Structure formats: structure tokens, C-alpha cells
Amino acid sequence: MIKRWTIDKIREFVEKNSESKLLTNEYLGFSQKLQFKCACGSNFEKTFTKFNNNNQRKCDVCQPPKASRSVE
């Protein structure tokens, strides 16, 4: 069964599973970038898919992006 996310369910998930706060008030779909406020006070944006599945739950300063794999 596919879980349908609403903005209220996303807000609840963010509050329970991270130190960040959701700033966006409307959820249009999985490809939409949502606005968040990190615990450090910085704003950042991510899709909910990345926030949820990839554990990217902080700004790029507090949780720097992983280096891309390069083939040498």
C-alpha cells in the first residue's frame, strides 16, 4: 500500500524524527523541494524523499553532502 503524505503528516514526521522544523505550508508532491529550518538556525531545502529516505535532515553546514564517487 502506498502511503500518501500530507503536509500535516510530513510536519509530524519532521518534528518526531529530526531537530529541524518544516517551514513549507503546502505539499504538492514528491519532487517538490520543501523549506526547513535547521537546529542551528539556517534555512535549507530538500525534497521530502531525500529528507525521509536518505536521512538528510540537517542543513549542508551541519550535515555536509557526501562526496560524489569518482572513478579513477
Foldseek 3Di string as FASTA:
>chain_A
DDDDDWPVNLQVCLVVPAQKGWDDDGDDDQVDWTWIAANVGDIDTDGVCCVPVVVPNHDCVVPNDDDDDDDD
